[in-house]
C-alpha atoms as a PDB file:
ATOM      1  CA  MET A   1      62.424  24.320  14.516  1.00  0.00           C
ATOM      2  CA  GLU A   2      59.057  25.031  13.170  1.00  0.00           C
ATOM      3  CA  ARG A   3      57.717  25.409  17.229  1.00  0.00           C
ATOM      4  CA  LYS A   4      60.665  28.595  17.236  1.00  0.00           C
ATOM      5  CA  ARG A   5      58.781  30.451  14.430  1.00  0.00           C
ATOM      6  CA  PRO A   6      56.259  31.942  15.973  1.00  0.00           C
ATOM      7  CA  ALA A   7      58.455  33.416  19.116  1.00  0.00           C
ATOM      8  CA  ALA A   8      60.990  34.656  16.216  1.00  0.00           C
ATOM      9  CA  THR A   9      57.928  36.187  14.705  1.00  0.00           C
ATOM     10  CA  SER A  10      56.540  37.841  18.122  1.00  0.00           C
ATOM     11  CA  GLN A  11      60.389  39.308  18.511  1.00  0.00           C
ATOM     12  CA  GLN A  12      60.702  40.684  15.204  1.00  0.00           C
ATOM     13  CA  GLN A  13      57.071  42.519  15.525  1.00  0.00           C
ATOM     14  CA  ALA A  14      58.184  43.962  19.072  1.00  0.00           C
ATOM     15  CA  LEU A  15      61.185  45.401  17.743  1.00  0.00           C
ATOM     16  CA  THR A  16      59.118  46.995  14.689  1.00  0.00           C
ATOM     17  CA  ALA A  17      56.556  48.364  17.248  1.00  0.00           C
ATOM     18  CA  LYS A  18      59.621  49.803  19.123  1.00  0.00           C
ATOM     19  CA  LEU A  19      60.905  51.241  15.924  1.00  0.00           C
ATOM     20  CA  VAL A  20      58.057  52.818  15.101  1.00  0.00           C
ATOM     21  CA  LEU A  21      57.685  54.437  18.328  1.00  0.00           C
ATOM     22  CA  TRP A  22      61.235  55.433  18.403  1.00  0.00           C
ATOM     23  CA  LEU A  23      62.798  56.181  15.319  1.00  0.00           C
ATOM     24  CA  PRO A  24      60.431  59.331  14.529  1.00  0.00           C
ATOM     25  CA  VAL A  25      61.751  61.000  17.707  1.00  0.00           C
ATOM     26  CA  ALA A  26      65.367  59.768  17.252  1.00  0.00           C
ATOM     27  CA  VAL A  27      65.034  61.516  13.621  1.00  0.00           C
ATOM     28  CA  VAL A  28      63.564  64.808  14.988  1.00  0.00           C
ATOM     29  CA  LEU A  29      66.649  65.123  17.581  1.00  0.00           C
ATOM     30  CA  ALA A  30      68.854  64.336  15.244  1.00  0.00           C
ATOM     31  CA  LEU A  31      67.826  66.725  12.294  1.00  0.00           C
ATOM     32  CA  ILE A  32      67.674  69.121  15.459  1.00  0.00           C
ATOM     33  CA  VAL A  33      71.311  68.361  16.178  1.00  0.00           C
ATOM     34  CA  PHE A  34      72.436  68.715  12.477  1.00  0.00           C
ATOM     35  CA  PHE A  35      70.789  71.980  11.145  1.00  0.00           C
ATOM     36  CA  SER A  36      72.299  73.567  14.736  1.00  0.00           C
ATOM     37  CA  VAL A  37      75.877  72.882  13.952  1.00  0.00           C
ATOM     38  CA  THR A  38      75.761  73.611  10.273  1.00  0.00           C
ATOM     39  CA  THR A  39      73.893  76.836   9.957  1.00  0.00           C
ATOM     40  CA  ASP A  40      74.152  79.744  12.480  1.00  0.00           C
ATOM     41  CA  SER A  41      70.286  80.640  12.300  1.00  0.00           C
ATOM     42  CA  PHE A  42      68.724  77.635  12.878  1.00  0.00           C
ATOM     43  CA  LEU A  43      68.142  77.538  16.499  1.00  0.00           C
ATOM     44  CA  SER A  44      67.127  81.539  16.835  1.00  0.00           C
ATOM     45  CA  LEU A  45      64.476  82.713  18.394  1.00  0.00           C
ATOM     46  CA  ARG A  46      63.410  84.280  14.809  1.00  0.00           C
ATOM     47  CA  ASN A  47      63.910  80.797  13.084  1.00  0.00           C
ATOM     48  CA  LEU A  48      62.155  78.924  15.684  1.00  0.00           C
ATOM     49  CA  THR A  49      59.051  81.456  15.472  1.00  0.00           C
ATOM     50  CA  ALA A  50      59.101  80.946  11.761  1.00  0.00           C
ATOM     51  CA  ILE A  51      59.026  76.851  12.245  1.00  0.00           C
ATOM     52  CA  SER A  52      55.881  77.004  14.850  1.00  0.00           C
ATOM     53  CA  GLY A  53      54.123  79.102  12.191  1.00  0.00           C
ATOM     54  CA  GLN A  54      55.236  76.910   9.018  1.00  0.00           C
ATOM     55  CA  MET A  55      54.476  73.402  10.498  1.00  0.00           C
ATOM     56  CA  SER A  56      51.056  74.484  11.562  1.00  0.00           C
ATOM     57  CA  VAL A  57      48.629  74.406   8.166  1.00  0.00           C
ATOM     58  CA  LEU A  58      50.776  70.941   7.305  1.00  0.00           C
ATOM     59  CA  LEU A  59      49.501  70.108  11.229  1.00  0.00           C
ATOM     60  CA  LEU A  60      45.992  71.229  10.859  1.00  0.00           C
ATOM     61  CA  ALA A  61      45.601  69.372   7.110  1.00  0.00           C
ATOM     62  CA  CYS A  62      47.251  66.151   8.846  1.00  0.00           C
ATOM     63  CA  LEU A  63      45.031  65.811  11.328  1.00  0.00           C
ATOM     64  CA  GLY A  64      41.556  64.780   9.378  1.00  0.00           C
ATOM     65  CA  ALA A  65      43.783  63.044   6.976  1.00  0.00           C
ATOM     66  CA  THR A  66      45.526  60.899   9.827  1.00  0.00           C
ATOM     67  CA  PHE A  67      41.675  59.789  10.897  1.00  0.00           C
ATOM     68  CA  VAL A  68      41.165  58.612   7.398  1.00  0.00           C
ATOM     69  CA  ILE A  69      44.300  57.029   7.027  1.00  0.00           C
ATOM     70  CA  LEU A  70      43.855  54.630  10.291  1.00  0.00           C
ATOM     71  CA  MET A  71      40.725  53.312   8.818  1.00  0.00           C
ATOM     72  CA  GLY A  72      42.563  52.316   5.998  1.00  0.00           C
ATOM     73  CA  SER A  73      41.593  55.202   3.546  1.00  0.00           C
ATOM     74  CA  ILE A  74      43.424  57.858   1.637  1.00  0.00           C
ATOM     75  CA  ASP A  75      42.427  61.722   1.318  1.00  0.00           C
ATOM     76  CA  LEU A  76      44.580  63.158  -1.741  1.00  0.00           C
ATOM     77  CA  SER A  77      42.408  66.245  -1.531  1.00  0.00           C
ATOM     78  CA  VAL A  78      43.559  67.805   1.384  1.00  0.00           C
ATOM     79  CA  GLY A  79      45.733  70.669  -0.408  1.00  0.00           C
ATOM     80  CA  ALA A  80      43.380  71.120  -2.781  1.00  0.00           C
ATOM     81  CA  ILE A  81      40.492  71.835  -0.150  1.00  0.00           C
ATOM     82  CA  VAL A  82      43.084  74.267   1.319  1.00  0.00           C
ATOM     83  CA  LEU A  83      43.533  75.956  -1.624  1.00  0.00           C
ATOM     84  CA  LEU A  84      39.682  76.641  -2.577  1.00  0.00           C
ATOM     85  CA  VAL A  85      38.697  77.289   0.655  1.00  0.00           C
ATOM     86  CA  GLY A  86      41.435  80.115   1.396  1.00  0.00           C
ATOM     87  CA  SER A  87      40.620  81.244  -1.709  1.00  0.00           C
ATOM     88  CA  ILE A  88      36.963  81.661  -0.943  1.00  0.00           C
ATOM     89  CA  THR A  89      37.588  83.123   2.155  1.00  0.00           C
ATOM     90  CA  VAL A  90      39.674  85.903   0.865  1.00  0.00           C
ATOM     91  CA  LEU A  91      36.594  86.779  -1.555  1.00  0.00           C
ATOM     92  CA  LEU A  92      34.327  86.691   1.595  1.00  0.00           C
ATOM     93  CA  ILE A  93      36.680  88.992   3.186  1.00  0.00           C
ATOM     94  CA  ASN A  94      37.082  91.308   0.824  1.00  0.00           C
ATOM     95  CA  ALA A  95      33.329  90.947  -0.246  1.00  0.00           C
ATOM     96  CA  LEU A  96      31.459  91.212   3.102  1.00  0.00           C
ATOM     97  CA  ASP A  97      34.417  92.492   5.580  1.00  0.00           C
ATOM     98  CA  LEU A  98      33.969  89.404   7.615  1.00  0.00           C
ATOM     99  CA  GLY A  99      37.336  89.688   9.345  1.00  0.00           C
ATOM    100  CA  ILE A 100      37.756  86.698  11.867  1.00  0.00           C
ATOM    101  CA  GLY A 101      34.053  85.647  11.039  1.00  0.00           C
ATOM    102  CA  ALA A 102      35.526  84.199   8.045  1.00  0.00           C
ATOM    103  CA  VAL A 103      36.783  81.575   9.945  1.00  0.00           C
ATOM    104  CA  PRO A 104      33.832  79.357  10.934  1.00  0.00           C
ATOM    105  CA  LEU A 105      32.343  79.681   7.594  1.00  0.00           C
ATOM    106  CA  ALA A 106      35.812  78.264   6.255  1.00  0.00           C
ATOM    107  CA  VAL A 107      35.657  75.429   8.466  1.00  0.00           C
ATOM    108  CA  ILE A 108      32.114  75.155   7.344  1.00  0.00           C
ATOM    109  CA  ILE A 109      33.412  74.848   3.620  1.00  0.00           C
ATOM    110  CA  GLY A 110      35.676  72.468   4.056  1.00  0.00           C
ATOM    111  CA  MET A 111      33.681  70.222   5.818  1.00  0.00           C
ATOM    112  CA  LEU A 112      31.153  70.213   3.115  1.00  0.00           C
ATOM    113  CA  LEU A 113      33.383  69.541   0.569  1.00  0.00           C
ATOM    114  CA  GLY A 114      35.096  66.362   2.864  1.00  0.00           C
ATOM    115  CA  LEU A 115      31.427  65.543   3.183  1.00  0.00           C
ATOM    116  CA  LEU A 116      31.147  65.207  -0.675  1.00  0.00           C
ATOM    117  CA  ASN A 117      34.261  63.068  -1.167  1.00  0.00           C
ATOM    118  CA  GLY A 118      33.015  60.902   2.054  1.00  0.00           C
ATOM    119  CA  LEU A 119      29.596  60.426   0.131  1.00  0.00           C
ATOM    120  CA  ILE A 120      31.130  59.317  -3.129  1.00  0.00           C
ATOM    121  CA  PHE A 121      33.448  56.992  -1.259  1.00  0.00           C
ATOM    122  CA  ALA A 122      30.719  55.253   0.988  1.00  0.00           C
ATOM    123  CA  TYR A 123      27.897  55.155  -1.620  1.00  0.00           C
ATOM    124  CA  GLY A 124      29.683  55.219  -4.687  1.00  0.00           C
ATOM    125  CA  SER A 125      31.935  51.807  -3.988  1.00  0.00           C
ATOM    126  CA  ILE A 126      34.925  53.482  -5.429  1.00  0.00           C
ATOM    127  CA  PRO A 127      38.369  53.553  -3.833  1.00  0.00           C
ATOM    128  CA  SER A 128      38.925  56.497  -1.961  1.00  0.00           C
ATOM    129  CA  PHE A 129      42.434  56.984  -3.572  1.00  0.00           C
ATOM    130  CA  VAL A 130      40.370  57.306  -6.916  1.00  0.00           C
ATOM    131  CA  VAL A 131      37.338  59.759  -5.341  1.00  0.00           C
ATOM    132  CA  THR A 132      39.729  62.005  -3.722  1.00  0.00           C
ATOM    133  CA  LEU A 133      42.141  62.101  -6.865  1.00  0.00           C
ATOM    134  CA  GLY A 134      39.134  63.889  -8.845  1.00  0.00           C
ATOM    135  CA  SER A 135      38.034  65.619  -6.406  1.00  0.00           C
ATOM    136  CA  LEU A 136      41.775  66.985  -6.000  1.00  0.00           C
ATOM    137  CA  SER A 137      41.596  67.936  -9.890  1.00  0.00           C
ATOM    138  CA  VAL A 138      37.599  69.176  -9.334  1.00  0.00           C
ATOM    139  CA  PHE A 139      38.808  71.240  -5.857  1.00  0.00           C
ATOM    140  CA  THR A 140      41.733  73.107  -7.685  1.00  0.00           C
ATOM    141  CA  GLY A 141      40.193  73.883 -10.873  1.00  0.00           C
ATOM    142  CA  LEU A 142      37.642  75.776  -8.764  1.00  0.00           C
ATOM    143  CA  ALA A 143      39.953  77.533  -6.977  1.00  0.00           C
ATOM    144  CA  TRP A 144      41.997  78.633  -9.707  1.00  0.00           C
ATOM    145  CA  ASN A 145      38.876  80.055 -11.923  1.00  0.00           C
ATOM    146  CA  LEU A 146      38.538  81.921  -8.699  1.00  0.00           C
ATOM    147  CA  LEU A 147      41.827  83.543  -8.893  1.00  0.00           C
ATOM    148  CA  GLN A 148      42.011  83.507 -12.551  1.00  0.00           C
ATOM    149  CA  GLY A 149      46.151  83.022 -12.135  1.00  0.00           C
ATOM    150  CA  ARG A 150      46.564  85.487  -9.807  1.00  0.00           C
ATOM    151  CA  ALA A 151      47.062  86.035  -6.010  1.00  0.00           C
ATOM    152  CA  LEU A 152      44.124  87.631  -3.969  1.00  0.00           C
ATOM    153  CA  ARG A 153      44.933  90.039  -0.901  1.00  0.00           C
ATOM    154  CA  PHE A 154      42.450  91.165   1.720  1.00  0.00           C
ATOM    155  CA  ASP A 155      42.242  94.064   3.854  1.00  0.00           C
ATOM    156  CA  SER A 156      41.564  92.784   7.448  1.00  0.00           C
ATOM    157  CA  ALA A 157      44.270  93.502  10.319  1.00  0.00           C
ATOM    158  CA  ALA A 158      41.889  91.289  12.780  1.00  0.00           C
ATOM    159  CA  PHE A 159      41.966  88.261  10.421  1.00  0.00           C
ATOM    160  CA  GLU A 160      45.621  88.537   9.745  1.00  0.00           C
ATOM    161  CA  ASN A 161      46.708  89.064  13.434  1.00  0.00           C
ATOM    162  CA  LEU A 162      44.665  85.640  14.366  1.00  0.00           C
ATOM    163  CA  ALA A 163      47.389  84.152  12.664  1.00  0.00           C
ATOM    164  CA  ILE A 164      50.734  85.962  12.668  1.00  0.00           C
ATOM    165  CA  GLY A 165      49.952  87.833  16.361  1.00  0.00           C
ATOM    166  CA  GLN A 166      51.851  86.272  19.499  1.00  0.00           C
ATOM    167  CA  ALA A 167      49.477  85.757  22.209  1.00  0.00           C
ATOM    168  CA  ILE A 168      52.554  84.022  23.705  1.00  0.00           C
ATOM    169  CA  PRO A 169      55.657  85.789  22.925  1.00  0.00           C
ATOM    170  CA  TYR A 170      57.385  84.143  20.143  1.00  0.00           C
ATOM    171  CA  VAL A 171      55.025  81.492  19.162  1.00  0.00           C
ATOM    172  CA  SER A 172      52.611  82.853  16.613  1.00  0.00           C
ATOM    173  CA  ASN A 173      49.170  82.041  17.020  1.00  0.00           C
ATOM    174  CA  ILE A 174      48.810  80.119  14.397  1.00  0.00           C
ATOM    175  CA  ALA A 175      50.829  77.405  16.365  1.00  0.00           C
ATOM    176  CA  LEU A 176      48.744  77.603  19.184  1.00  0.00           C
ATOM    177  CA  PHE A 177      45.431  76.725  17.281  1.00  0.00           C
ATOM    178  CA  ALA A 178      47.468  73.918  15.437  1.00  0.00           C
ATOM    179  CA  LEU A 179      48.407  72.240  18.894  1.00  0.00           C
ATOM    180  CA  VAL A 180      45.103  72.986  20.890  1.00  0.00           C
ATOM    181  CA  ALA A 181      43.417  71.266  17.582  1.00  0.00           C
ATOM    182  CA  TRP A 182      45.965  68.505  17.854  1.00  0.00           C
ATOM    183  CA  ALA A 183      45.572  67.757  21.418  1.00  0.00           C
ATOM    184  CA  VAL A 184      41.667  67.510  20.998  1.00  0.00           C
ATOM    185  CA  SER A 185      42.087  65.342  18.143  1.00  0.00           C
ATOM    186  CA  VAL A 186      44.712  62.928  20.315  1.00  0.00           C
ATOM    187  CA  PHE A 187      41.286  62.726  22.671  1.00  0.00           C
ATOM    188  CA  VAL A 188      39.085  62.023  19.935  1.00  0.00           C
ATOM    189  CA  CYS A 189      41.463  59.563  18.776  1.00  0.00           C
ATOM    190  CA  PHE A 190      41.949  57.228  21.838  1.00  0.00           C
ATOM    191  CA  ARG A 191      38.675  59.001  24.341  1.00  0.00           C
ATOM    192  CA  THR A 192      35.837  58.600  22.090  1.00  0.00           C
ATOM    193  CA  ARG A 193      33.865  55.718  19.853  1.00  0.00           C
ATOM    194  CA  PHE A 194      34.450  57.510  16.745  1.00  0.00           C
ATOM    195  CA  GLY A 195      38.452  57.322  17.153  1.00  0.00           C
ATOM    196  CA  ARG A 196      38.037  53.608  18.436  1.00  0.00           C
ATOM    197  CA  TYR A 197      35.969  52.688  15.434  1.00  0.00           C
ATOM    198  CA  MET A 198      38.625  54.068  13.055  1.00  0.00           C
ATOM    199  CA  TYR A 199      41.029  51.679  14.438  1.00  0.00           C
ATOM    200  CA  VAL A 200      38.261  48.665  14.175  1.00  0.00           C
ATOM    201  CA  ILE A 201      37.701  49.703  10.521  1.00  0.00           C
ATOM    202  CA  GLY A 202      40.988  49.732   9.751  1.00  0.00           C
ATOM    203  CA  GLY A 203      41.846  46.338  11.243  1.00  0.00           C
ATOM    204  CA  GLY A 204      39.243  44.669   9.155  1.00  0.00           C
ATOM    205  CA  GLU A 205      36.441  46.473   7.582  1.00  0.00           C
ATOM    206  CA  ALA A 206      34.393  42.819   7.339  1.00  0.00           C
ATOM    207  CA  VAL A 207      34.967  42.362  11.036  1.00  0.00           C
ATOM    208  CA  ALA A 208      34.088  45.678  11.979  1.00  0.00           C
ATOM    209  CA  ARG A 209      30.790  45.067  10.006  1.00  0.00           C
ATOM    210  CA  THR A 210      30.166  41.691  11.864  1.00  0.00           C
ATOM    211  CA  SER A 211      30.940  43.574  15.323  1.00  0.00           C
ATOM    212  CA  GLY A 212      27.828  46.065  14.268  1.00  0.00           C
ATOM    213  CA  VAL A 213      29.996  49.271  13.780  1.00  0.00           C
ATOM    214  CA  PRO A 214      28.214  51.464  11.084  1.00  0.00           C
ATOM    215  CA  VAL A 215      30.925  51.581   8.651  1.00  0.00           C
ATOM    216  CA  ARG A 216      29.599  53.624   6.004  1.00  0.00           C
ATOM    217  CA  ARG A 217      28.421  56.492   8.124  1.00  0.00           C
ATOM    218  CA  TYR A 218      31.634  56.640  10.217  1.00  0.00           C
ATOM    219  CA  LYS A 219      33.712  56.553   6.706  1.00  0.00           C
ATOM    220  CA  ILE A 220      31.479  59.873   5.653  1.00  0.00           C
ATOM    221  CA  TYR A 221      32.443  60.995   9.312  1.00  0.00           C
ATOM    222  CA  ALA A 222      36.312  60.728   8.582  1.00  0.00           C
ATOM    223  CA  PHE A 223      36.065  62.940   5.244  1.00  0.00           C
ATOM    224  CA  THR A 224      33.938  65.144   6.705  1.00  0.00           C
ATOM    225  CA  LEU A 225      36.265  65.672   9.664  1.00  0.00           C
ATOM    226  CA  SER A 226      39.378  65.716   7.374  1.00  0.00           C
ATOM    227  CA  GLY A 227      37.419  68.547   5.007  1.00  0.00           C
ATOM    228  CA  ALA A 228      36.724  70.664   8.103  1.00  0.00           C
ATOM    229  CA  MET A 229      40.765  70.513   9.561  1.00  0.00           C
ATOM    230  CA  ALA A 230      41.530  71.544   5.670  1.00  0.00           C
ATOM    231  CA  GLY A 231      39.041  74.192   5.672  1.00  0.00           C
ATOM    232  CA  LEU A 232      40.568  75.818   8.830  1.00  0.00           C
ATOM    233  CA  GLY A 233      44.139  75.388   7.870  1.00  0.00           C
ATOM    234  CA  GLY A 234      43.345  77.033   4.472  1.00  0.00           C
ATOM    235  CA  ALA A 235      41.680  80.132   6.229  1.00  0.00           C
ATOM    236  CA  LEU A 236      44.337  80.196   8.636  1.00  0.00           C
ATOM    237  CA  GLY A 237      47.190  79.736   6.144  1.00  0.00           C
ATOM    238  CA  VAL A 238      46.136  82.782   3.993  1.00  0.00           C
ATOM    239  CA  ALA A 239      46.024  85.070   7.456  1.00  0.00           C
ATOM    240  CA  ARG A 240      49.325  83.782   7.398  1.00  0.00           C
ATOM    241  CA  LEU A 241      50.516  84.481   4.396  1.00  0.00           C
ATOM    242  CA  GLY A 242      47.710  87.809   3.717  1.00  0.00           C
ATOM    243  CA  ALA A 243      46.767  86.590   0.657  1.00  0.00           C
ATOM    244  CA  ALA A 244      45.545  83.443  -1.461  1.00  0.00           C
ATOM    245  CA  GLY A 245      47.650  82.343  -4.444  1.00  0.00           C
ATOM    246  CA  PRO A 246      47.380  79.679  -6.979  1.00  0.00           C
ATOM    247  CA  THR A 247      50.330  77.999  -5.228  1.00  0.00           C
ATOM    248  CA  LEU A 248      48.602  77.401  -2.011  1.00  0.00           C
ATOM    249  CA  GLY A 249      48.612  74.310  -0.383  1.00  0.00           C
ATOM    250  CA  SER A 250      50.112  72.543  -3.490  1.00  0.00           C
ATOM    251  CA  GLU A 251      52.918  71.088  -1.249  1.00  0.00           C
ATOM    252  CA  LEU A 252      50.485  69.596   1.220  1.00  0.00           C
ATOM    253  CA  LEU A 253      49.823  66.457  -0.866  1.00  0.00           C
ATOM    254  CA  LEU A 254      52.987  65.106  -0.620  1.00  0.00           C
ATOM    255  CA  ASN A 255      54.036  66.454   2.703  1.00  0.00           C
ATOM    256  CA  SER A 256      50.762  65.508   4.532  1.00  0.00           C
ATOM    257  CA  LEU A 257      51.180  61.874   3.325  1.00  0.00           C
ATOM    258  CA  ALA A 258      55.060  61.894   4.312  1.00  0.00           C
ATOM    259  CA  ALA A 259      54.285  63.436   8.014  1.00  0.00           C
ATOM    260  CA  ILE A 260      51.654  60.832   8.269  1.00  0.00           C
ATOM    261  CA  VAL A 261      53.835  58.048   7.064  1.00  0.00           C
ATOM    262  CA  VAL A 262      57.151  59.609   8.668  1.00  0.00           C
ATOM    263  CA  GLY A 263      55.174  59.424  12.050  1.00  0.00           C
ATOM    264  CA  GLY A 264      54.663  56.035  12.192  1.00  0.00           C
ATOM    265  CA  THR A 265      50.773  55.775  11.026  1.00  0.00           C
ATOM    266  CA  SER A 266      50.666  52.646   9.040  1.00  0.00           C
ATOM    267  CA  LEU A 267      48.975  52.990   5.256  1.00  0.00           C
ATOM    268  CA  SER A 268      47.047  49.815   5.628  1.00  0.00           C
ATOM    269  CA  GLY A 269      45.219  51.149   8.541  1.00  0.00           C
ATOM    270  CA  GLY A 270      44.634  50.240  11.907  1.00  0.00           C
ATOM    271  CA  VAL A 271      48.012  51.102  13.238  1.00  0.00           C
ATOM    272  CA  GLY A 272      49.638  54.675  14.469  1.00  0.00           C
ATOM    273  CA  GLY A 273      47.644  57.635  15.367  1.00  0.00           C
ATOM    274  CA  LEU A 274      47.689  61.321  16.195  1.00  0.00           C
ATOM    275  CA  GLN A 275      49.933  61.700  18.741  1.00  0.00           C
ATOM    276  CA  ARG A 276      52.561  60.083  16.148  1.00  0.00           C
ATOM    277  CA  THR A 277      51.512  62.465  13.443  1.00  0.00           C
ATOM    278  CA  LEU A 278      52.677  65.498  15.591  1.00  0.00           C
ATOM    279  CA  ILE A 279      56.483  63.922  15.264  1.00  0.00           C
ATOM    280  CA  GLY A 280      55.398  63.680  11.378  1.00  0.00           C
ATOM    281  CA  VAL A 281      54.936  67.275  10.947  1.00  0.00           C
ATOM    282  CA  LEU A 282      58.100  68.011  12.898  1.00  0.00           C
ATOM    283  CA  ILE A 283      60.264  65.911  10.808  1.00  0.00           C
ATOM    284  CA  ILE A 284      59.074  67.193   7.602  1.00  0.00           C
ATOM    285  CA  THR A 285      58.953  71.427   8.852  1.00  0.00           C
ATOM    286  CA  LEU A 286      62.661  70.847  10.217  1.00  0.00           C
ATOM    287  CA  LEU A 287      63.766  69.283   6.649  1.00  0.00           C
ATOM    288  CA  ASP A 288      62.436  71.911   4.689  1.00  0.00           C
ATOM    289  CA  ASN A 289      63.283  74.764   6.955  1.00  0.00           C
ATOM    290  CA  GLY A 290      67.181  73.226   7.951  1.00  0.00           C
ATOM    291  CA  LEU A 291      67.594  72.852   3.893  1.00  0.00           C
ATOM    292  CA  ASN A 292      66.024  76.299   2.827  1.00  0.00           C
ATOM    293  CA  LEU A 293      68.675  77.814   5.689  1.00  0.00           C
ATOM    294  CA  LEU A 294      71.809  75.482   3.901  1.00  0.00           C
ATOM    295  CA  GLY A 295      70.529  76.861   0.700  1.00  0.00           C
ATOM    296  CA  VAL A 296      69.461  73.737  -0.747  1.00  0.00           C
ATOM    297  CA  ASN A 297      67.028  74.312  -3.969  1.00  0.00           C
ATOM    298  CA  GLN A 298      63.527  73.055  -3.886  1.00  0.00           C
ATOM    299  CA  TYR A 299      64.000  70.177  -6.399  1.00  0.00           C
ATOM    300  CA  THR A 300      66.588  68.401  -4.259  1.00  0.00           C
ATOM    301  CA  GLN A 301      64.539  68.865  -1.454  1.00  0.00           C
ATOM    302  CA  MET A 302      61.782  67.037  -3.265  1.00  0.00           C
ATOM    303  CA  VAL A 303      64.406  64.211  -3.991  1.00  0.00           C
ATOM    304  CA  ILE A 304      65.156  64.466  -0.071  1.00  0.00           C
ATOM    305  CA  LYS A 305      61.648  64.043   1.532  1.00  0.00           C
ATOM    306  CA  GLY A 306      60.565  61.183  -1.109  1.00  0.00           C
ATOM    307  CA  ILE A 307      63.870  59.246   0.054  1.00  0.00           C
ATOM    308  CA  VAL A 308      62.467  59.644   3.543  1.00  0.00           C
ATOM    309  CA  VAL A 309      59.398  58.644   2.947  1.00  0.00           C
ATOM    310  CA  ILE A 310      60.554  55.354   1.086  1.00  0.00           C
ATOM    311  CA  GLY A 311      63.036  54.837   3.801  1.00  0.00           C
ATOM    312  CA  ALA A 312      60.198  55.331   6.525  1.00  0.00           C
ATOM    313  CA  VAL A 313      57.845  52.523   4.813  1.00  0.00           C
ATOM    314  CA  LEU A 314      61.020  50.075   4.726  1.00  0.00           C
ATOM    315  CA  ILE A 315      62.011  50.427   8.135  1.00  0.00           C
ATOM    316  CA  SER A 316      58.367  51.349  10.236  1.00  0.00           C
ATOM    317  CA  GLN A 317      55.811  49.738   8.203  1.00  0.00           C
ATOM    318  CA  ASP A 318      54.889  46.031   8.162  1.00  0.00           C
ATOM    319  CA  ARG A 319      54.722  45.880   4.127  1.00  0.00           C
ATOM    320  CA  SER A 320      53.259  42.220   4.427  1.00  0.00           C
ATOM    321  CA  LYS A 321      50.090  44.110   5.443  1.00  0.00           C
ATOM    322  CA  LEU A 322      49.815  47.204   2.905  1.00  0.00           C
ATOM    323  CA  VAL A 323      46.937  46.814   0.553  1.00  0.00           C
ATOM    324  CA  VAL A 324      45.402  48.951  -2.245  1.00  0.00           C
ATOM    325  CA  MET A 325      43.675  51.701  -0.206  1.00  0.00           C
ATOM    326  CA  LYS A 326      40.176  50.969   0.160  1.00  0.00           C
END
């Protein structure tokens, strides 16, 4: 009997791998069918265009955060970076009339904020959960001080068109930015040393060090990238909304983690990737959009999304390997 256990374990692992791969895709298809039947406007071109815009900031915020989770850490500050960078972007546009030139500045600011997270995490020997929980509070407080409790609007048609324009009919420009960024991130994930090292570090930090991987340096790189992508999301997010308000990015803390986990990236690190994150973002966005069309209030939506996240972990994650975030 003892000799049969490895075979059973192997079969269980193979089944889990198939679930992780195909269950999120099945959920996307099920949501499309369900909301198409229960609402009249779900499959309309107008609503599909709205969905493409809604998913874009979330996807951008998730791209860098996925690399962080792949190496077994976590970034809770992406929503706060979106808020702070979005607020600074509007102020810069109004003060200097930068227009679309504010976008590269937003990426640089986000990069610096992510770099700060990475340096404290790598050199302070503090868990990433604690570091980014603290920076979430700091960045949010700074943004609220800039906003003074009000929404800041900008006056730049070029900057606004960067997000809500449609170079391709019925597809907002912000969606094109997000999809290009996703495609580049997938390439980086699977075809570069940086991407491979994220998997190695997530699979075992001690083993990675023994193998000669400069773990500390790549931890800093991952958080810097996460900040840069959140910064881009912040700039394009305010371009889409036409203003930066105190609630900008407030839903990204739950939604980004939910999308990454539901997509099939393991919280313990080393398993998953950017290709799965897109599916997770689609699930969360379709849920938000469909439930709004059905008239479900936001508090009930939070309950439903929480159940979806817990269900995803129960079904698709190897809970024996889940550990406290490094």
